[in-house]
Protein backbone atom coordinates (compact mmCIF):
# COMPACT_ATOMS: atom_id res chain seq x y z
CA UNK A 1 -27.58 -47.88 -18.87
CA UNK A 2 -24.99 -47.44 -21.62
CA UNK A 3 -21.57 -49.07 -21.18
CA UNK A 4 -18.79 -47.08 -22.83
CA UNK A 5 -15.71 -48.86 -24.18
CA UNK A 6 -12.59 -46.69 -24.44
CA UNK A 7 -10.46 -48.22 -27.21
CA UNK A 8 -7.12 -47.31 -25.64
CA UNK A 9 -4.43 -48.56 -28.02
CA UNK A 10 -1.22 -46.50 -28.16
CA UNK A 11 0.27 -48.65 -30.92
CA UNK A 12 -2.55 -47.52 -33.23
CA UNK A 13 -0.57 -44.28 -33.48
CA UNK A 14 2.08 -45.96 -35.59
CA UNK A 15 4.77 -43.35 -35.05
CA UNK A 16 4.72 -44.28 -31.34
CA UNK A 17 6.60 -47.41 -32.43
CA UNK A 18 9.46 -45.34 -33.88
CA UNK A 19 12.15 -44.49 -31.30
CA UNK A 20 12.88 -40.79 -30.84
CA UNK A 21 14.80 -40.43 -27.57
CA UNK A 22 15.55 -36.75 -28.21
CA UNK A 23 11.84 -35.89 -28.47
CA UNK A 24 10.87 -38.22 -25.63
CA UNK A 25 13.35 -36.53 -23.30
CA UNK A 26 11.41 -33.27 -23.71
CA UNK A 27 8.23 -34.90 -22.40
CA UNK A 28 9.74 -35.50 -18.98
CA UNK A 29 8.21 -32.88 -16.70
CA UNK A 30 5.51 -31.90 -19.21
CA UNK A 31 2.18 -30.55 -17.96
CA UNK A 32 -0.80 -30.99 -20.28
CA UNK A 33 -3.51 -28.51 -19.29
CA UNK A 34 -5.99 -29.74 -21.87
CA UNK A 35 -6.88 -33.43 -22.25
CA UNK A 36 -10.29 -34.90 -23.09
CA UNK A 37 -10.61 -38.38 -21.57
CA UNK A 38 -13.83 -40.19 -20.78
CA UNK A 39 -16.33 -40.33 -19.22
CA UNK A 40 -18.01 -37.93 -21.60
CA UNK A 41 -21.12 -37.72 -23.76
CA UNK A 42 -18.65 -37.35 -26.64
CA UNK A 43 -16.88 -40.48 -27.97
CA UNK A 44 -13.46 -40.78 -26.33
CA UNK A 45 -10.43 -42.93 -26.99
CA UNK A 46 -9.18 -43.13 -23.42
CA UNK A 47 -10.34 -42.99 -19.84
CA UNK A 48 -8.85 -40.71 -17.19
CA UNK A 49 -6.82 -43.64 -15.90
CA UNK A 50 -5.61 -44.55 -19.41
CA UNK A 51 -4.49 -40.97 -19.95
CA UNK A 52 -2.67 -40.82 -16.63
CA UNK A 53 -0.88 -44.14 -17.20
CA UNK A 54 0.25 -43.11 -20.66
CA UNK A 55 1.50 -39.73 -19.42
CA UNK A 56 3.24 -41.33 -16.46
CA UNK A 57 5.12 -43.73 -18.72
CA UNK A 58 6.71 -40.74 -20.45
CA UNK A 59 7.42 -38.76 -17.30
CA UNK A 60 4.71 -36.10 -17.43
CA UNK A 61 4.52 -33.98 -14.28
CA UNK A 62 0.74 -33.52 -14.48
CA UNK A 63 -2.29 -33.60 -16.74
CA UNK A 64 -5.69 -31.90 -16.58
CA UNK A 65 -8.81 -33.87 -17.51
CA UNK A 66 -11.45 -31.66 -19.10
CA UNK A 67 -15.07 -32.34 -19.95
CA UNK A 68 -17.29 -29.87 -21.78
CA UNK A 69 -20.30 -31.29 -19.94
CA UNK A 70 -19.45 -31.98 -16.30
CA UNK A 71 -16.84 -31.42 -13.63
CA UNK A 72 -14.34 -34.29 -13.61
CA UNK A 73 -13.15 -33.43 -10.10
CA UNK A 74 -15.23 -36.16 -8.45
CA UNK A 75 -14.19 -38.73 -11.08
CA UNK A 76 -10.55 -37.97 -10.29
CA UNK A 77 -11.10 -38.12 -6.54
CA UNK A 78 -12.64 -41.57 -6.89
CA UNK A 79 -9.70 -42.79 -8.98
CA UNK A 80 -7.10 -41.42 -6.58
CA UNK A 81 -7.99 -44.16 -4.13
CA UNK A 82 -7.21 -46.79 -6.75
CA UNK A 83 -5.13 -46.61 -9.94
CA UNK A 84 -4.04 -42.96 -9.84
CA UNK A 85 -2.31 -43.39 -6.48
CA UNK A 86 0.25 -45.69 -8.12
CA UNK A 87 1.31 -43.20 -10.81
CA UNK A 88 3.92 -40.45 -10.79
CA UNK A 89 1.81 -38.12 -12.95
CA UNK A 90 -0.64 -35.96 -11.01
CA UNK A 91 -4.16 -35.57 -12.39
CA UNK A 92 -6.32 -32.50 -11.92
CA UNK A 93 -9.71 -31.37 -13.16
CA UNK A 94 -12.01 -28.40 -13.19
CA UNK A 95 -15.32 -27.22 -14.58
CA UNK A 96 -16.50 -25.83 -17.92
CA UNK A 97 -19.35 -23.35 -17.61
CA UNK A 98 -21.74 -24.71 -20.20
CA UNK A 99 -25.48 -25.39 -19.88
CA UNK A 100 -25.00 -28.87 -18.42
CA UNK A 101 -23.54 -27.44 -15.18
CA UNK A 102 -25.99 -24.55 -15.01
CA UNK A 103 -24.00 -22.12 -17.11
CA UNK A 104 -22.49 -19.19 -15.22
CA UNK A 105 -22.98 -20.98 -11.91
CA UNK A 106 -20.80 -19.76 -9.01
CA UNK A 107 -22.11 -22.56 -6.78
CA UNK A 108 -20.80 -25.22 -9.15
CA UNK A 109 -17.47 -23.41 -9.46
CA UNK A 110 -17.09 -23.14 -5.72
CA UNK A 111 -17.82 -26.84 -5.24
CA UNK A 112 -15.43 -27.97 -7.98
CA UNK A 113 -12.54 -25.82 -6.74
CA UNK A 114 -13.02 -26.57 -3.05
CA UNK A 115 -12.98 -30.29 -3.81
CA UNK A 116 -9.60 -29.96 -5.47
CA UNK A 117 -10.32 -28.66 -8.96
CA UNK A 118 -7.79 -26.24 -10.41
CA UNK A 119 -9.29 -24.86 -13.61
CA UNK A 120 -12.43 -23.02 -14.68
CA UNK A 121 -13.21 -22.87 -18.38
CA UNK A 122 -15.70 -20.18 -19.32
CA UNK A 123 -18.31 -21.28 -21.90
CA UNK A 124 -17.02 -23.59 -24.62
CA UNK A 125 -19.86 -25.40 -26.41
CA UNK A 126 -22.29 -22.71 -25.23
CA UNK A 127 -20.33 -19.67 -26.37
CA UNK A 128 -21.56 -17.58 -29.29
CA UNK A 129 -18.17 -17.94 -30.99
CA UNK A 130 -18.32 -21.74 -30.77
CA UNK A 131 -21.86 -21.96 -32.12
CA UNK A 132 -21.10 -19.55 -34.97
CA UNK A 133 -17.84 -21.31 -35.88
CA UNK A 134 -19.51 -24.70 -36.15
CA UNK A 135 -22.35 -23.29 -38.23
CA UNK A 136 -19.77 -22.07 -40.75
CA UNK A 137 -17.07 -24.78 -40.59
CA UNK A 138 -16.79 -28.54 -40.66
CA UNK A 139 -14.14 -28.79 -37.96
CA UNK A 140 -14.63 -32.47 -37.17
CA UNK A 141 -15.89 -31.60 -33.69
CA UNK A 142 -17.57 -34.65 -32.12
CA UNK A 143 -21.27 -35.08 -31.52
CA UNK A 144 -22.74 -36.60 -28.33
CA UNK A 145 -23.43 -40.31 -28.10
CA UNK A 146 -26.25 -39.62 -25.64
CA UNK A 147 -29.43 -37.67 -26.24
CA UNK A 148 -29.02 -34.09 -25.02
CA UNK A 149 -31.30 -31.10 -25.48
CA UNK A 150 -30.25 -28.37 -27.91
CA UNK A 151 -27.51 -26.08 -26.69
CA UNK A 152 -28.28 -22.44 -25.89
CA UNK A 153 -25.77 -19.62 -26.15
CA UNK A 154 -24.33 -18.17 -22.96
CA UNK A 155 -22.87 -14.68 -22.94
CA UNK A 156 -20.84 -13.14 -20.13
CA UNK A 157 -21.96 -9.61 -21.04
CA UNK A 158 -25.21 -7.71 -20.59
CA UNK A 159 -26.87 -5.67 -23.32
CA UNK A 160 -24.65 -2.68 -22.59
CA UNK A 161 -21.48 -4.76 -22.87
CA UNK A 162 -20.80 -4.87 -19.12
CA UNK A 163 -19.66 -8.07 -17.42
CA UNK A 164 -22.60 -9.81 -15.72
CA UNK A 165 -22.79 -9.89 -11.90
CA UNK A 166 -22.70 -13.69 -11.82
CA UNK A 167 -19.43 -13.60 -13.79
CA UNK A 168 -17.92 -11.29 -11.19
CA UNK A 169 -19.14 -13.68 -8.49
CA UNK A 170 -17.36 -16.56 -10.24
CA UNK A 171 -14.20 -14.47 -10.60
CA UNK A 172 -14.20 -13.76 -6.88
CA UNK A 173 -14.34 -17.51 -6.19
CA UNK A 174 -11.49 -18.20 -8.63
CA UNK A 175 -9.40 -15.47 -7.01
CA UNK A 176 -10.10 -16.75 -3.50
CA UNK A 177 -9.09 -20.30 -4.48
CA UNK A 178 -6.09 -19.08 -6.54
CA UNK A 179 -7.33 -21.25 -9.40
CA UNK A 180 -6.72 -21.01 -13.15
CA UNK A 181 -9.20 -19.12 -15.31
CA UNK A 182 -9.41 -19.91 -18.99
CA UNK A 183 -11.51 -18.04 -21.51
CA UNK A 184 -12.84 -21.26 -23.00
CA UNK A 185 -14.31 -20.70 -26.45
CA UNK A 186 -15.31 -17.08 -25.95
CA UNK A 187 -14.63 -14.75 -28.86
CA UNK A 188 -12.21 -11.84 -28.77
CA UNK A 189 -14.60 -9.22 -27.35
CA UNK A 190 -15.87 -11.44 -24.53
CA UNK A 191 -12.40 -12.80 -23.78
CA UNK A 192 -10.95 -9.31 -23.47
CA UNK A 193 -13.77 -8.19 -21.18
CA UNK A 194 -13.35 -11.32 -19.05
CA UNK A 195 -9.59 -10.83 -18.76
CA UNK A 196 -9.98 -7.21 -17.67
CA UNK A 197 -12.61 -8.16 -15.07
CA UNK A 198 -10.51 -11.08 -13.84
CA UNK A 199 -7.47 -8.90 -13.30
CA UNK A 200 -9.62 -6.38 -11.42
CA UNK A 201 -10.90 -9.25 -9.22
CA UNK A 202 -7.37 -10.38 -8.36
CA UNK A 203 -7.24 -13.49 -10.56
CA UNK A 204 -3.57 -14.12 -11.23
CA UNK A 205 -3.67 -17.25 -13.40
CA UNK A 206 -5.30 -16.68 -16.80
CA UNK A 207 -5.14 -18.67 -20.05
CA UNK A 208 -6.52 -18.06 -23.53
CA UNK A 209 -7.22 -21.43 -25.17
CA UNK A 210 -6.26 -22.12 -28.81
CA UNK A 211 -6.47 -18.57 -30.22
CA UNK A 212 -6.52 -19.83 -33.81
CA UNK A 213 -9.51 -22.15 -33.25
CA UNK A 214 -12.98 -20.69 -32.59
CA UNK A 215 -11.56 -17.69 -30.69
CA UNK A 216 -10.21 -16.17 -33.90
CA UNK A 217 -7.48 -14.07 -32.33
CA UNK A 218 -4.66 -12.57 -34.35
CA UNK A 219 -1.02 -12.63 -33.34
CA UNK A 220 -1.34 -8.97 -32.39
CA UNK A 221 -4.27 -9.67 -30.10
CA UNK A 222 -2.40 -12.55 -28.47
CA UNK A 223 0.57 -10.25 -27.85
CA UNK A 224 -1.73 -7.69 -26.22
CA UNK A 225 -3.19 -10.33 -23.91
CA UNK A 226 0.28 -11.62 -23.05
CA UNK A 227 1.31 -8.11 -22.04
CA UNK A 228 -1.49 -8.31 -19.45
CA UNK A 229 0.13 -11.43 -18.03
CA UNK A 230 -2.14 -13.88 -19.84
CA UNK A 231 -0.74 -17.21 -21.08
CA UNK A 232 -1.53 -18.17 -24.67
CA UNK A 233 -2.20 -21.88 -25.09
CA UNK A 234 -1.64 -23.63 -28.40
CA UNK A 235 -2.95 -27.14 -28.96
CA UNK A 236 -0.76 -29.77 -30.59
CA UNK A 237 -3.79 -31.35 -32.21
CA UNK A 238 -4.11 -28.30 -34.47
CA UNK A 239 -0.68 -28.93 -35.99
CA UNK A 240 -0.10 -32.68 -35.62
CA UNK A 241 -3.56 -34.18 -35.54
CA UNK A 242 -5.49 -35.54 -38.51
CA UNK A 243 -3.61 -34.63 -41.72
CA UNK A 244 -6.67 -33.16 -43.44
CA UNK A 245 -7.17 -30.64 -40.62
CA UNK A 246 -3.59 -29.67 -39.80
CA UNK A 247 -2.60 -26.02 -39.70
CA UNK A 248 0.79 -24.84 -40.89
CA UNK A 249 3.52 -25.06 -38.27
CA UNK A 250 4.77 -21.65 -39.38
CA UNK A 251 1.65 -20.15 -37.79
CA UNK A 252 2.57 -21.62 -34.41
CA UNK A 253 6.18 -20.51 -34.74
CA UNK A 254 5.04 -16.94 -35.47
CA UNK A 255 2.84 -16.87 -32.36
CA UNK A 256 5.71 -18.21 -30.25
CA UNK A 257 8.14 -15.64 -31.62
CA UNK A 258 5.83 -12.66 -31.14
CA UNK A 259 4.16 -13.63 -27.86
CA UNK A 260 7.33 -15.05 -26.36
CA UNK A 261 8.23 -18.42 -24.91
CA UNK A 262 7.58 -17.13 -21.40
CA UNK A 263 3.84 -16.63 -22.07
CA UNK A 264 3.24 -19.62 -24.34
CA UNK A 265 1.89 -23.04 -23.34
CA UNK A 266 1.64 -26.15 -25.50
CA UNK A 267 -1.21 -28.54 -24.64
CA UNK A 268 -2.67 -31.49 -26.52
CA UNK A 269 -6.48 -30.91 -26.58
CA UNK A 270 -6.81 -34.58 -27.45
CA UNK A 271 -8.45 -37.78 -26.28
CA UNK A 272 -11.23 -37.85 -28.88
CA UNK A 273 -11.96 -41.26 -30.37
CA UNK A 274 -10.65 -40.45 -33.85
CA UNK A 275 -7.58 -38.39 -32.92
CA UNK A 276 -4.01 -39.24 -31.87
CA UNK A 277 -3.39 -39.70 -28.16
CA UNK A 278 -2.03 -36.74 -26.17
CA UNK A 279 1.42 -38.29 -25.69
CA UNK A 280 1.62 -38.98 -29.42
CA UNK A 281 0.91 -35.32 -30.15
CA UNK A 282 3.54 -34.14 -27.69
CA UNK A 283 6.15 -36.41 -29.32
CA UNK A 284 5.25 -35.09 -32.78
CA UNK A 285 5.33 -31.49 -31.60
CA UNK A 286 8.67 -31.96 -29.85
CA UNK A 287 10.17 -33.36 -33.04
CA UNK A 288 8.63 -30.61 -35.16
CA UNK A 289 9.85 -27.79 -32.93
CA UNK A 290 13.34 -29.32 -32.70
CA UNK A 291 13.51 -29.61 -36.48
CA UNK A 292 12.37 -25.97 -36.73
CA UNK A 293 15.40 -24.97 -34.67
CA UNK A 294 13.82 -24.15 -31.30
CA UNK A 295 16.14 -24.69 -28.34
CA UNK A 296 15.38 -27.60 -26.04
CA UNK A 297 15.10 -25.20 -23.08
CA UNK A 298 12.35 -23.23 -24.83
CA UNK A 299 10.41 -26.38 -25.66
CA UNK A 300 10.64 -27.60 -22.06
CA UNK A 301 9.34 -24.26 -20.82
CA UNK A 302 6.33 -24.34 -23.16
CA UNK A 303 5.68 -28.05 -22.51
CA UNK A 304 6.03 -27.93 -18.76
CA UNK A 305 7.44 -25.06 -16.74
CA UNK A 306 4.86 -22.39 -17.71
CA UNK A 307 1.88 -24.68 -17.17
CA UNK A 308 3.33 -26.06 -13.94
CA UNK A 309 3.62 -22.53 -12.57
CA UNK A 310 -0.05 -21.96 -13.31
CA UNK A 311 -1.50 -25.29 -12.23
CA UNK A 312 0.45 -26.19 -9.11
CA UNK A 313 0.28 -24.00 -6.02
């Protein structure tokens, strides 16, 4: 059996040592829908409990622990009887529909949601868009530390372009549980088909993850989705993560302006062993958006209020 050590060390993010009370105040009430703690086959910098403690110290309302490989709902339930019960930050999980949970598996979705999960990510590692992107780009995406069989692509559409029956089954479960659907790493065509089918099924909480990474959506496409009531999530790691991989902040500001603050969510998408911690990324993003002239009320809405309305019943 392999023992995993999570090297949780906030001071390794040196800017955490620099006081910024104005930025820190904007983290109070934040809701991070997209954290990647361990346990995971991928190397991680923090455990679920580490992540929750760090978020709690800065006043986060809630965080969501995501694994590409397994539902973290049972991990969270086990921790609620111990360390999590002492913290002010609530921790939720969900399930990502990749091969390691059986793919488009309504049984797994039903179990995860009825045990307290709140989010369903459609295929990430197993999507055609993800596989194609990582064939063409060195994005720094981690590789597993355990031996896993080769991934196989999962599509949500049949040969005629219609949404598969098992997808509609999953959507009915999400609607019944009033959970949050995210499009995962599906490309534009599959995401649009999924959103249309979800709305038909009565799913009211829908998120498109990081449109500029893997998904490949333009500002215009994001605006179109937002007009359908979809929330567009942007990940702080894209703009304030490793310097060599940072995207221009002007891109994010354009999306916010065109899509609107009311349909925009900022998450971290962090927890990987070589990346800044989620709280670090929120502090950096708060400072960056303040310096760009965004009002504090808008930042609070994108950091917390919009995600809270989706996540918490």
